[in-house]
Amino acid sequence: MNVSEPGSSIAFVREFILQGFSCELKIQILLFSLFTTIYALTITGNGAIVCALWCDQRLHTPMYVFLRNFSFLEMWYVSSTVPKMLNNFLSEKKRISFPGCFLQFYFFFSLGTSECFLLTVMAFDRFLAICRPLHYPNTMTLHLCTKLVIICWVCGFVWFLIPIVLISQLPFCGPNIIDHVVCDPGPLFALACASAPKTQLLCYTLSSLVIFGNFFFILGSYTLVLIAVLRMPSATGRHKAFSTCGSHLAVVSLFYGSLMVMYVSPGLGHSAGMQKVATLLYAMVTPLFNPLIYSLRNKEIKTALRKVLRLPT
């Protein structure tokens, strides 16, 4: 274990060991192959969505601008942790430097928070389109759409900045083994040599606010959307409205379900295995299925993808 400068009375950790999955080499290689495939499919799928929506001028509307940014965000989100995870499968020591750990922590949480805000903005967009159809073109302009996207990114990267800085200032004097697949606040608090109840409370409070605040806003938006859809006299109109909202609701359910288990209930004492599985669910599985969920339920995206991939219509 690397320590601090010579002459110090306390040896401080300068690197961590991301333990990941402790299993036989054959299982490690199998997991490496599986996760590499998932990562490649995730980047390819989301990249195809970004390219398709960018190249088709007809899809430069607010709903598809939000979706394009969401897919672009997913590519960075999965890349903030998976490459290091894959490297650790083939590495015997599974090291990550002290700065590298907190940089991973920062980008993973910042991109995840940006995703929470963007999902909320997408729900607001659907609320305006379905519940306020006459005012929608004048309200949700491309200018406002761009501003909302920028706000989502900025808020995401500012939201956890202070807690992460505070956690990085805690004394870590050993042990340095993180029994997780990513640098996560729970294991880091457990490894700190000094308790930090205020920092821990701040971290979980901010997590709860961003998760529950956005989730309840989305829930409220779609409750109003459901009421408006059920009042539509046309069955075709109801089907189209449900179709445009169904994909978004499926993604929200996948993403928020695992997040709530992990980051808003610090007192439950989750096992390390459960933490790893829940993290993999929202860090890898959700970004993998997002392109499938949106493309399978949307004819415009299917058409745009066929043009980009030069497939027959």
C-alpha atoms as a PDB file:
ATOM      1  CA  MET A   1       0.000   0.000   0.000  1.00  0.00           C
ATOM      2  CA  ASN A   2       1.467   3.375  -0.984  1.00  0.00           C
ATOM      3  CA  VAL A   3       1.626   5.900   1.859  1.00  0.00           C
ATOM      4  CA  SER A   4       2.194   9.577   2.371  1.00  0.00           C
ATOM      5  CA  GLU A   5       5.480  11.451   2.425  1.00  0.00           C
ATOM      6  CA  PRO A   6       8.269  10.168   4.729  1.00  0.00           C
ATOM      7  CA  GLY A   7       8.412  11.670   8.203  1.00  0.00           C
ATOM      8  CA  SER A   8       4.670  11.766   8.689  1.00  0.00           C
ATOM      9  CA  SER A   9       3.449  10.089  11.879  1.00  0.00           C
ATOM     10  CA  ILE A  10       0.435   8.641  10.043  1.00  0.00           C
ATOM     11  CA  ALA A  11       0.573   6.644   6.808  1.00  0.00           C
ATOM     12  CA  PHE A  12      -2.063   7.956   4.425  1.00  0.00           C
ATOM     13  CA  VAL A  13      -3.432   5.975   1.517  1.00  0.00           C
ATOM     14  CA  ARG A  14      -2.274   7.115  -1.923  1.00  0.00           C
ATOM     15  CA  GLU A  15      -4.135   4.475  -3.900  1.00  0.00           C
ATOM     16  CA  PHE A  16      -7.097   2.146  -3.500  1.00  0.00           C
ATOM     17  CA  ILE A  17      -7.795  -1.426  -4.537  1.00  0.00           C
ATOM     18  CA  LEU A  18     -11.096  -1.769  -6.408  1.00  0.00           C
ATOM     19  CA  GLN A  19     -11.849  -5.353  -5.462  1.00  0.00           C
ATOM     20  CA  GLY A  20     -14.746  -5.795  -7.878  1.00  0.00           C
ATOM     21  CA  PHE A  21     -15.813  -9.417  -8.228  1.00  0.00           C
ATOM     22  CA  SER A  22     -13.637 -11.854  -6.288  1.00  0.00           C
ATOM     23  CA  CYS A  23     -13.859 -15.058  -8.263  1.00  0.00           C
ATOM     24  CA  GLU A  24     -11.787 -17.530 -10.226  1.00  0.00           C
ATOM     25  CA  LEU A  25      -9.773 -16.434 -13.249  1.00  0.00           C
ATOM     26  CA  LYS A  26     -12.105 -18.274 -15.642  1.00  0.00           C
ATOM     27  CA  ILE A  27     -15.095 -16.397 -14.222  1.00  0.00           C
ATOM     28  CA  GLN A  28     -13.152 -13.115 -14.411  1.00  0.00           C
ATOM     29  CA  ILE A  29     -12.437 -13.720 -18.104  1.00  0.00           C
ATOM     30  CA  LEU A  30     -16.078 -14.650 -18.720  1.00  0.00           C
ATOM     31  CA  LEU A  31     -17.269 -11.460 -16.993  1.00  0.00           C
ATOM     32  CA  PHE A  32     -14.705  -9.437 -18.934  1.00  0.00           C
ATOM     33  CA  SER A  33     -16.046 -10.815 -22.211  1.00  0.00           C
ATOM     34  CA  LEU A  34     -19.660 -10.203 -21.169  1.00  0.00           C
ATOM     35  CA  PHE A  35     -19.081  -6.641 -19.944  1.00  0.00           C
ATOM     36  CA  THR A  36     -16.945  -5.786 -22.981  1.00  0.00           C
ATOM     37  CA  THR A  37     -19.796  -6.886 -25.247  1.00  0.00           C
ATOM     38  CA  ILE A  38     -22.326  -4.884 -23.228  1.00  0.00           C
ATOM     39  CA  TYR A  39     -20.068  -1.811 -23.303  1.00  0.00           C
ATOM     40  CA  ALA A  40     -19.505  -2.071 -27.071  1.00  0.00           C
ATOM     41  CA  LEU A  41     -23.238  -2.494 -27.727  1.00  0.00           C
ATOM     42  CA  THR A  42     -24.062   0.438 -25.435  1.00  0.00           C
ATOM     43  CA  ILE A  43     -21.634   2.803 -27.177  1.00  0.00           C
ATOM     44  CA  THR A  44     -22.737   1.592 -30.616  1.00  0.00           C
ATOM     45  CA  GLY A  45     -26.457   1.807 -29.840  1.00  0.00           C
ATOM     46  CA  ASN A  46     -26.383   5.233 -28.235  1.00  0.00           C
ATOM     47  CA  GLY A  47     -23.929   6.497 -30.839  1.00  0.00           C
ATOM     48  CA  ALA A  48     -26.287   5.356 -33.601  1.00  0.00           C
ATOM     49  CA  ILE A  49     -29.174   7.232 -31.943  1.00  0.00           C
ATOM     50  CA  VAL A  50     -27.058  10.408 -31.706  1.00  0.00           C
ATOM     51  CA  CYS A  51     -25.965  10.182 -35.353  1.00  0.00           C
ATOM     52  CA  ALA A  52     -29.447   9.351 -36.631  1.00  0.00           C
ATOM     53  CA  LEU A  53     -31.106  12.229 -34.790  1.00  0.00           C
ATOM     54  CA  TRP A  54     -28.349  14.637 -35.793  1.00  0.00           C
ATOM     55  CA  CYS A  55     -28.373  13.728 -39.501  1.00  0.00           C
ATOM     56  CA  ASP A  56     -32.151  13.812 -39.977  1.00  0.00           C
ATOM     57  CA  GLN A  57     -33.170  17.477 -40.107  1.00  0.00           C
ATOM     58  CA  ARG A  58     -36.813  16.579 -39.548  1.00  0.00           C
ATOM     59  CA  LEU A  59     -35.929  15.332 -36.067  1.00  0.00           C
ATOM     60  CA  HIS A  60     -34.353  18.594 -34.903  1.00  0.00           C
ATOM     61  CA  THR A  61     -37.321  19.183 -32.623  1.00  0.00           C
ATOM     62  CA  PRO A  62     -37.225  19.610 -28.819  1.00  0.00           C
ATOM     63  CA  MET A  63     -38.238  16.023 -28.020  1.00  0.00           C
ATOM     64  CA  TYR A  64     -35.487  14.576 -30.202  1.00  0.00           C
ATOM     65  CA  VAL A  65     -32.930  17.174 -29.102  1.00  0.00           C
ATOM     66  CA  PHE A  66     -33.486  15.981 -25.530  1.00  0.00           C
ATOM     67  CA  LEU A  67     -33.232  12.345 -26.620  1.00  0.00           C
ATOM     68  CA  ARG A  68     -30.044  13.022 -28.607  1.00  0.00           C
ATOM     69  CA  ASN A  69     -28.431  14.658 -25.592  1.00  0.00           C
ATOM     70  CA  PHE A  70     -29.635  11.837 -23.363  1.00  0.00           C
ATOM     71  CA  SER A  71     -28.003   9.206 -25.598  1.00  0.00           C
ATOM     72  CA  PHE A  72     -24.814  11.276 -25.772  1.00  0.00           C
ATOM     73  CA  LEU A  73     -24.852  11.549 -21.980  1.00  0.00           C
ATOM     74  CA  GLU A  74     -25.292   7.783 -21.652  1.00  0.00           C
ATOM     75  CA  MET A  75     -22.146   7.179 -23.696  1.00  0.00           C
ATOM     76  CA  TRP A  76     -20.082   9.275 -21.278  1.00  0.00           C
ATOM     77  CA  TYR A  77     -21.872   7.885 -18.238  1.00  0.00           C
ATOM     78  CA  VAL A  78     -21.029   4.272 -19.024  1.00  0.00           C
ATOM     79  CA  SER A  79     -17.483   5.271 -20.025  1.00  0.00           C
ATOM     80  CA  SER A  80     -16.808   6.870 -16.635  1.00  0.00           C
ATOM     81  CA  THR A  81     -16.596   3.469 -14.918  1.00  0.00           C
ATOM     82  CA  VAL A  82     -16.688   0.509 -17.305  1.00  0.00           C
ATOM     83  CA  PRO A  83     -13.208   0.837 -18.917  1.00  0.00           C
ATOM     84  CA  LYS A  84     -11.562   0.773 -15.478  1.00  0.00           C
ATOM     85  CA  MET A  85     -13.817  -2.114 -14.467  1.00  0.00           C
ATOM     86  CA  LEU A  86     -12.748  -4.074 -17.555  1.00  0.00           C
ATOM     87  CA  ASN A  87      -9.097  -3.324 -16.884  1.00  0.00           C
ATOM     88  CA  ASN A  88      -9.452  -4.662 -13.338  1.00  0.00           C
ATOM     89  CA  PHE A  89     -10.785  -7.985 -14.600  1.00  0.00           C
ATOM     90  CA  LEU A  90      -7.437  -8.598 -16.288  1.00  0.00           C
ATOM     91  CA  SER A  91      -5.304  -6.976 -13.595  1.00  0.00           C
ATOM     92  CA  GLU A  92      -3.985  -8.861 -10.611  1.00  0.00           C
ATOM     93  CA  LYS A  93      -3.645  -5.854  -8.270  1.00  0.00           C
ATOM     94  CA  LYS A  94      -6.726  -3.851  -9.379  1.00  0.00           C
ATOM     95  CA  ARG A  95      -5.237  -0.529  -8.321  1.00  0.00           C
ATOM     96  CA  ILE A  96      -6.703   2.928  -8.757  1.00  0.00           C
ATOM     97  CA  SER A  97      -4.854   6.049  -7.653  1.00  0.00           C
ATOM     98  CA  PHE A  98      -6.288   8.348  -4.985  1.00  0.00           C
ATOM     99  CA  PRO A  99      -6.956  11.187  -7.507  1.00  0.00           C
ATOM    100  CA  GLY A 100      -8.205   8.648 -10.069  1.00  0.00           C
ATOM    101  CA  CYS A 101     -10.714   7.259  -7.577  1.00  0.00           C
ATOM    102  CA  PHE A 102     -12.201  10.651  -6.804  1.00  0.00           C
ATOM    103  CA  LEU A 103     -12.204  11.703 -10.450  1.00  0.00           C
ATOM    104  CA  GLN A 104     -14.185   8.549 -11.244  1.00  0.00           C
ATOM    105  CA  PHE A 105     -16.461   9.308  -8.290  1.00  0.00           C
ATOM    106  CA  TYR A 106     -17.014  12.873  -9.514  1.00  0.00           C
ATOM    107  CA  PHE A 107     -17.736  12.065 -13.167  1.00  0.00           C
ATOM    108  CA  PHE A 108     -19.894   9.024 -12.373  1.00  0.00           C
ATOM    109  CA  PHE A 109     -22.094  10.974  -9.972  1.00  0.00           C
ATOM    110  CA  SER A 110     -22.122  14.187 -12.028  1.00  0.00           C
ATOM    111  CA  LEU A 111     -23.151  12.400 -15.219  1.00  0.00           C
ATOM    112  CA  GLY A 112     -25.756  10.386 -13.287  1.00  0.00           C
ATOM    113  CA  THR A 113     -27.166  13.582 -11.764  1.00  0.00           C
ATOM    114  CA  SER A 114     -27.280  15.245 -15.190  1.00  0.00           C
ATOM    115  CA  GLU A 115     -29.214  12.217 -16.380  1.00  0.00           C
ATOM    116  CA  CYS A 116     -31.740  12.639 -13.555  1.00  0.00           C
ATOM    117  CA  PHE A 117     -32.319  16.282 -14.511  1.00  0.00           C
ATOM    118  CA  LEU A 118     -32.541  15.489 -18.217  1.00  0.00           C
ATOM    119  CA  LEU A 119     -35.130  12.752 -17.644  1.00  0.00           C
ATOM    120  CA  THR A 120     -37.156  15.319 -15.693  1.00  0.00           C
ATOM    121  CA  VAL A 121     -36.919  17.876 -18.499  1.00  0.00           C
ATOM    122  CA  MET A 122     -38.017  15.202 -20.976  1.00  0.00           C
ATOM    123  CA  ALA A 123     -41.070  14.486 -18.817  1.00  0.00           C
ATOM    124  CA  PHE A 124     -41.854  18.218 -18.693  1.00  0.00           C
ATOM    125  CA  ASP A 125     -41.590  18.360 -22.479  1.00  0.00           C
ATOM    126  CA  ARG A 126     -44.122  15.520 -22.838  1.00  0.00           C
ATOM    127  CA  PHE A 127     -46.431  17.240 -20.336  1.00  0.00           C
ATOM    128  CA  LEU A 128     -46.415  20.447 -22.381  1.00  0.00           C
ATOM    129  CA  ALA A 129     -46.864  18.584 -25.684  1.00  0.00           C
ATOM    130  CA  ILE A 130     -49.865  16.552 -24.506  1.00  0.00           C
ATOM    131  CA  CYS A 131     -51.517  18.756 -21.869  1.00  0.00           C
ATOM    132  CA  ARG A 132     -50.812  22.143 -23.502  1.00  0.00           C
ATOM    133  CA  PRO A 133     -50.680  21.288 -27.242  1.00  0.00           C
ATOM    134  CA  LEU A 134     -51.780  24.742 -28.464  1.00  0.00           C
ATOM    135  CA  HIS A 135     -49.123  26.541 -26.424  1.00  0.00           C
ATOM    136  CA  TYR A 136     -46.369  23.943 -26.945  1.00  0.00           C
ATOM    137  CA  PRO A 137     -44.790  25.331 -30.183  1.00  0.00           C
ATOM    138  CA  ASN A 138     -44.462  28.822 -28.688  1.00  0.00           C
ATOM    139  CA  THR A 139     -43.346  27.595 -25.255  1.00  0.00           C
ATOM    140  CA  MET A 140     -40.892  24.792 -25.990  1.00  0.00           C
ATOM    141  CA  THR A 141     -38.770  26.534 -28.596  1.00  0.00           C
ATOM    142  CA  LEU A 142     -35.351  25.249 -29.650  1.00  0.00           C
ATOM    143  CA  HIS A 143     -33.826  28.179 -27.755  1.00  0.00           C
ATOM    144  CA  LEU A 144     -35.525  27.125 -24.503  1.00  0.00           C
ATOM    145  CA  CYS A 145     -34.700  23.495 -25.245  1.00  0.00           C
ATOM    146  CA  THR A 146     -30.986  24.335 -25.553  1.00  0.00           C
ATOM    147  CA  LYS A 147     -31.052  26.335 -22.327  1.00  0.00           C
ATOM    148  CA  LEU A 148     -32.698  23.458 -20.454  1.00  0.00           C
ATOM    149  CA  VAL A 149     -30.091  20.991 -21.723  1.00  0.00           C
ATOM    150  CA  ILE A 150     -27.255  23.300 -20.624  1.00  0.00           C
ATOM    151  CA  ILE A 151     -28.874  23.729 -17.199  1.00  0.00           C
ATOM    152  CA  CYS A 152     -29.088  19.933 -16.813  1.00  0.00           C
ATOM    153  CA  TRP A 153     -25.391  19.503 -17.580  1.00  0.00           C
ATOM    154  CA  VAL A 154     -24.258  22.410 -15.382  1.00  0.00           C
ATOM    155  CA  CYS A 155     -26.439  21.440 -12.411  1.00  0.00           C
ATOM    156  CA  GLY A 156     -25.288  17.841 -12.711  1.00  0.00           C
ATOM    157  CA  PHE A 157     -21.614  18.777 -12.522  1.00  0.00           C
ATOM    158  CA  VAL A 158     -22.111  21.232  -9.655  1.00  0.00           C
ATOM    159  CA  TRP A 159     -24.542  19.233  -7.506  1.00  0.00           C
ATOM    160  CA  PHE A 160     -22.067  16.805  -5.882  1.00  0.00           C
ATOM    161  CA  LEU A 161     -18.935  18.933  -6.160  1.00  0.00           C
ATOM    162  CA  ILE A 162     -18.808  20.057  -2.506  1.00  0.00           C
ATOM    163  CA  PRO A 163     -19.500  16.604  -0.960  1.00  0.00           C
ATOM    164  CA  ILE A 164     -16.867  14.976  -3.178  1.00  0.00           C
ATOM    165  CA  VAL A 165     -14.273  17.593  -2.213  1.00  0.00           C
ATOM    166  CA  LEU A 166     -15.138  17.121   1.469  1.00  0.00           C
ATOM    167  CA  ILE A 167     -14.865  13.328   1.224  1.00  0.00           C
ATOM    168  CA  SER A 168     -11.492  13.619  -0.535  1.00  0.00           C
ATOM    169  CA  GLN A 169     -10.213  15.667   2.428  1.00  0.00           C
ATOM    170  CA  LEU A 170     -10.970  12.884   4.926  1.00  0.00           C
ATOM    171  CA  PRO A 171      -7.968  10.981   6.309  1.00  0.00           C
ATOM    172  CA  PHE A 172      -7.518   7.552   4.721  1.00  0.00           C
ATOM    173  CA  CYS A 173      -4.814   5.709   6.654  1.00  0.00           C
ATOM    174  CA  GLY A 174      -5.681   2.121   5.740  1.00  0.00           C
ATOM    175  CA  PRO A 175      -7.004  -0.350   4.826  1.00  0.00           C
ATOM    176  CA  ASN A 176      -7.406   0.707   1.210  1.00  0.00           C
ATOM    177  CA  ILE A 177      -9.570  -2.079  -0.266  1.00  0.00           C
ATOM    178  CA  ILE A 178     -12.876  -0.889  -1.752  1.00  0.00           C
ATOM    179  CA  ASP A 179     -15.201  -3.891  -1.951  1.00  0.00           C
ATOM    180  CA  HIS A 180     -17.076  -2.479  -4.940  1.00  0.00           C
ATOM    181  CA  VAL A 181     -16.835  -2.126  -8.721  1.00  0.00           C
ATOM    182  CA  VAL A 182     -16.599   1.689  -8.587  1.00  0.00           C
ATOM    183  CA  CYS A 183     -15.407   4.369  -6.171  1.00  0.00           C
ATOM    184  CA  ASP A 184     -18.602   4.888  -4.207  1.00  0.00           C
ATOM    185  CA  PRO A 185     -19.322   7.079  -1.143  1.00  0.00           C
ATOM    186  CA  GLY A 186     -20.445   4.191   1.089  1.00  0.00           C
ATOM    187  CA  PRO A 187     -17.173   2.221   0.961  1.00  0.00           C
ATOM    188  CA  LEU A 188     -15.131   5.436   1.069  1.00  0.00           C
ATOM    189  CA  PHE A 189     -16.848   6.588   4.273  1.00  0.00           C
ATOM    190  CA  ALA A 190     -16.194   3.132   5.733  1.00  0.00           C
ATOM    191  CA  LEU A 191     -12.471   3.362   4.894  1.00  0.00           C
ATOM    192  CA  ALA A 192     -11.974   6.860   6.333  1.00  0.00           C
ATOM    193  CA  CYS A 193      -9.996   6.964   9.592  1.00  0.00           C
ATOM    194  CA  ALA A 194     -12.242   9.671  11.021  1.00  0.00           C
ATOM    195  CA  SER A 195     -16.033   9.759  11.061  1.00  0.00           C
ATOM    196  CA  ALA A 196     -17.696  12.562   9.149  1.00  0.00           C
ATOM    197  CA  PRO A 197     -21.406  12.474  10.026  1.00  0.00           C
ATOM    198  CA  LYS A 198     -22.079  15.958   8.621  1.00  0.00           C
ATOM    199  CA  THR A 199     -20.436  15.157   5.289  1.00  0.00           C
ATOM    200  CA  GLN A 200     -22.233  11.821   5.161  1.00  0.00           C
ATOM    201  CA  LEU A 201     -25.568  13.491   5.915  1.00  0.00           C
ATOM    202  CA  LEU A 202     -24.902  16.120   3.228  1.00  0.00           C
ATOM    203  CA  CYS A 203     -24.035  13.441   0.677  1.00  0.00           C
ATOM    204  CA  TYR A 204     -27.153  11.364   1.284  1.00  0.00           C
ATOM    205  CA  THR A 205     -29.373  14.454   1.559  1.00  0.00           C
ATOM    206  CA  LEU A 206     -28.229  15.687  -1.853  1.00  0.00           C
ATOM    207  CA  SER A 207     -28.702  12.176  -3.259  1.00  0.00           C
ATOM    208  CA  SER A 208     -32.227  12.008  -1.863  1.00  0.00           C
ATOM    209  CA  LEU A 209     -33.115  15.468  -3.151  1.00  0.00           C
ATOM    210  CA  VAL A 210     -31.942  14.844  -6.696  1.00  0.00           C
ATOM    211  CA  ILE A 211     -33.465  11.358  -6.886  1.00  0.00           C
ATOM    212  CA  PHE A 212     -36.786  11.888  -5.114  1.00  0.00           C
ATOM    213  CA  GLY A 213     -37.245  15.495  -6.260  1.00  0.00           C
ATOM    214  CA  ASN A 214     -36.885  14.579  -9.932  1.00  0.00           C
ATOM    215  CA  PHE A 215     -38.776  11.308  -9.546  1.00  0.00           C
ATOM    216  CA  PHE A 216     -41.828  12.945  -7.979  1.00  0.00           C
ATOM    217  CA  PHE A 217     -41.787  15.706 -10.598  1.00  0.00           C
ATOM    218  CA  ILE A 218     -41.789  13.038 -13.326  1.00  0.00           C
ATOM    219  CA  LEU A 219     -44.533  11.118 -11.521  1.00  0.00           C
ATOM    220  CA  GLY A 220     -46.656  14.266 -11.224  1.00  0.00           C
ATOM    221  CA  SER A 221     -46.098  15.169 -14.871  1.00  0.00           C
ATOM    222  CA  TYR A 222     -47.153  11.763 -16.099  1.00  0.00           C
ATOM    223  CA  THR A 223     -50.161  11.661 -13.802  1.00  0.00           C
ATOM    224  CA  LEU A 224     -51.421  14.821 -15.523  1.00  0.00           C
ATOM    225  CA  VAL A 225     -50.469  13.348 -18.911  1.00  0.00           C
ATOM    226  CA  LEU A 226     -52.433  10.171 -18.138  1.00  0.00           C
ATOM    227  CA  ILE A 227     -55.507  12.182 -17.163  1.00  0.00           C
ATOM    228  CA  ALA A 228     -55.250  14.222 -20.370  1.00  0.00           C
ATOM    229  CA  VAL A 229     -54.773  11.127 -22.540  1.00  0.00           C
ATOM    230  CA  LEU A 230     -57.758   9.318 -21.040  1.00  0.00           C
ATOM    231  CA  ARG A 231     -59.903  12.337 -21.877  1.00  0.00           C
ATOM    232  CA  MET A 232     -58.951  12.197 -25.578  1.00  0.00           C
ATOM    233  CA  PRO A 233     -61.939  11.216 -27.729  1.00  0.00           C
ATOM    234  CA  SER A 234     -59.793   9.562 -30.399  1.00  0.00           C
ATOM    235  CA  ALA A 235     -58.363   6.078 -29.815  1.00  0.00           C
ATOM    236  CA  THR A 236     -55.613   6.861 -32.337  1.00  0.00           C
ATOM    237  CA  GLY A 237     -54.639   9.957 -30.385  1.00  0.00           C
ATOM    238  CA  ARG A 238     -54.533   8.010 -27.127  1.00  0.00           C
ATOM    239  CA  HIS A 239     -52.360   5.313 -28.695  1.00  0.00           C
ATOM    240  CA  LYS A 240     -49.916   7.863 -30.126  1.00  0.00           C
ATOM    241  CA  ALA A 241     -49.656   9.696 -26.797  1.00  0.00           C
ATOM    242  CA  PHE A 242     -49.055   6.475 -24.864  1.00  0.00           C
ATOM    243  CA  SER A 243     -46.467   5.420 -27.440  1.00  0.00           C
ATOM    244  CA  THR A 244     -44.401   8.601 -27.075  1.00  0.00           C
ATOM    245  CA  CYS A 245     -44.536   8.444 -23.273  1.00  0.00           C
ATOM    246  CA  GLY A 246     -44.120   4.696 -22.800  1.00  0.00           C
ATOM    247  CA  SER A 247     -40.447   4.628 -23.796  1.00  0.00           C
ATOM    248  CA  HIS A 248     -39.555   7.409 -21.413  1.00  0.00           C
ATOM    249  CA  LEU A 249     -41.449   5.794 -18.539  1.00  0.00           C
ATOM    250  CA  ALA A 250     -39.650   2.481 -19.134  1.00  0.00           C
ATOM    251  CA  VAL A 251     -36.245   4.202 -18.945  1.00  0.00           C
ATOM    252  CA  VAL A 252     -37.276   6.145 -15.829  1.00  0.00           C
ATOM    253  CA  SER A 253     -38.424   2.957 -14.101  1.00  0.00           C
ATOM    254  CA  LEU A 254     -35.148   1.144 -14.840  1.00  0.00           C
ATOM    255  CA  PHE A 255     -32.943   4.033 -13.798  1.00  0.00           C
ATOM    256  CA  TYR A 256     -34.714   5.263 -10.668  1.00  0.00           C
ATOM    257  CA  GLY A 257     -35.570   1.818  -9.325  1.00  0.00           C
ATOM    258  CA  SER A 258     -31.936   0.854  -8.775  1.00  0.00           C
ATOM    259  CA  LEU A 259     -30.887   4.356  -7.702  1.00  0.00           C
ATOM    260  CA  MET A 260     -33.403   4.504  -4.878  1.00  0.00           C
ATOM    261  CA  VAL A 261     -32.200   1.208  -3.482  1.00  0.00           C
ATOM    262  CA  MET A 262     -28.601   2.404  -3.339  1.00  0.00           C
ATOM    263  CA  TYR A 263     -28.383   6.072  -2.425  1.00  0.00           C
ATOM    264  CA  VAL A 264     -31.363   7.124  -0.349  1.00  0.00           C
ATOM    265  CA  SER A 265     -31.286   4.505   2.395  1.00  0.00           C
ATOM    266  CA  PRO A 266     -27.838   4.550   4.068  1.00  0.00           C
ATOM    267  CA  GLY A 267     -29.140   2.882   7.207  1.00  0.00           C
ATOM    268  CA  LEU A 268     -30.195  -0.361   5.543  1.00  0.00           C
ATOM    269  CA  GLY A 269     -26.689  -1.797   5.536  1.00  0.00           C
ATOM    270  CA  HIS A 270     -26.729  -3.184   1.989  1.00  0.00           C
ATOM    271  CA  SER A 271     -24.425  -6.131   1.418  1.00  0.00           C
ATOM    272  CA  ALA A 272     -21.439  -5.596  -0.861  1.00  0.00           C
ATOM    273  CA  GLY A 273     -22.907  -8.035  -3.380  1.00  0.00           C
ATOM    274  CA  MET A 274     -26.207  -6.154  -3.551  1.00  0.00           C
ATOM    275  CA  GLN A 275     -24.365  -2.838  -3.995  1.00  0.00           C
ATOM    276  CA  LYS A 276     -22.390  -4.249  -6.934  1.00  0.00           C
ATOM    277  CA  VAL A 277     -25.456  -5.703  -8.645  1.00  0.00           C
ATOM    278  CA  ALA A 278     -27.507  -2.507  -8.186  1.00  0.00           C
ATOM    279  CA  THR A 279     -24.611  -0.398  -9.480  1.00  0.00           C
ATOM    280  CA  LEU A 280     -24.227  -2.584 -12.564  1.00  0.00           C
ATOM    281  CA  LEU A 281     -27.970  -2.301 -13.184  1.00  0.00           C
ATOM    282  CA  TYR A 282     -28.048   1.484 -13.513  1.00  0.00           C
ATOM    283  CA  ALA A 283     -24.447   1.913 -14.729  1.00  0.00           C
ATOM    284  CA  MET A 284     -24.504  -0.702 -17.511  1.00  0.00           C
ATOM    285  CA  VAL A 285     -27.888  -2.341 -18.075  1.00  0.00           C
ATOM    286  CA  THR A 286     -29.973   0.843 -18.326  1.00  0.00           C
ATOM    287  CA  PRO A 287     -27.656   2.554 -20.872  1.00  0.00           C
ATOM    288  CA  LEU A 288     -27.659  -0.687 -22.897  1.00  0.00           C
ATOM    289  CA  PHE A 289     -31.449  -0.913 -23.144  1.00  0.00           C
ATOM    290  CA  ASN A 290     -32.162   2.785 -23.712  1.00  0.00           C
ATOM    291  CA  PRO A 291     -31.478   2.732 -27.482  1.00  0.00           C
ATOM    292  CA  LEU A 292     -33.579  -0.435 -27.847  1.00  0.00           C
ATOM    293  CA  ILE A 293     -36.469   0.989 -25.834  1.00  0.00           C
ATOM    294  CA  TYR A 294     -36.590   4.236 -27.809  1.00  0.00           C
ATOM    295  CA  SER A 295     -35.908   2.851 -31.283  1.00  0.00           C
ATOM    296  CA  LEU A 296     -38.312  -0.080 -31.073  1.00  0.00           C
ATOM    297  CA  ARG A 297     -41.241   2.145 -30.106  1.00  0.00           C
ATOM    298  CA  ASN A 298     -40.580   5.093 -32.403  1.00  0.00           C
ATOM    299  CA  LYS A 299     -41.111   4.950 -36.177  1.00  0.00           C
ATOM    300  CA  GLU A 300     -39.254   8.225 -36.812  1.00  0.00           C
ATOM    301  CA  ILE A 301     -36.123   6.940 -35.068  1.00  0.00           C
ATOM    302  CA  LYS A 302     -36.361   3.618 -36.917  1.00  0.00           C
ATOM    303  CA  THR A 303     -36.500   5.475 -40.243  1.00  0.00           C
ATOM    304  CA  ALA A 304     -33.589   7.748 -39.294  1.00  0.00           C
ATOM    305  CA  LEU A 305     -31.494   4.758 -38.197  1.00  0.00           C
ATOM    306  CA  ARG A 306     -32.160   2.945 -41.476  1.00  0.00           C
ATOM    307  CA  LYS A 307     -30.955   6.001 -43.412  1.00  0.00           C
ATOM    308  CA  VAL A 308     -27.778   6.334 -41.325  1.00  0.00           C
ATOM    309  CA  LEU A 309     -27.038   2.599 -41.557  1.00  0.00           C
ATOM    310  CA  ARG A 310     -28.069   2.556 -45.239  1.00  0.00           C
ATOM    311  CA  LEU A 311     -30.600  -0.210 -44.647  1.00  0.00           C
ATOM    312  CA  PRO A 312     -33.598  -0.782 -46.919  1.00  0.00           C
ATOM    313  CA  THR A 313     -36.775   0.922 -45.720  1.00  0.00           C
END
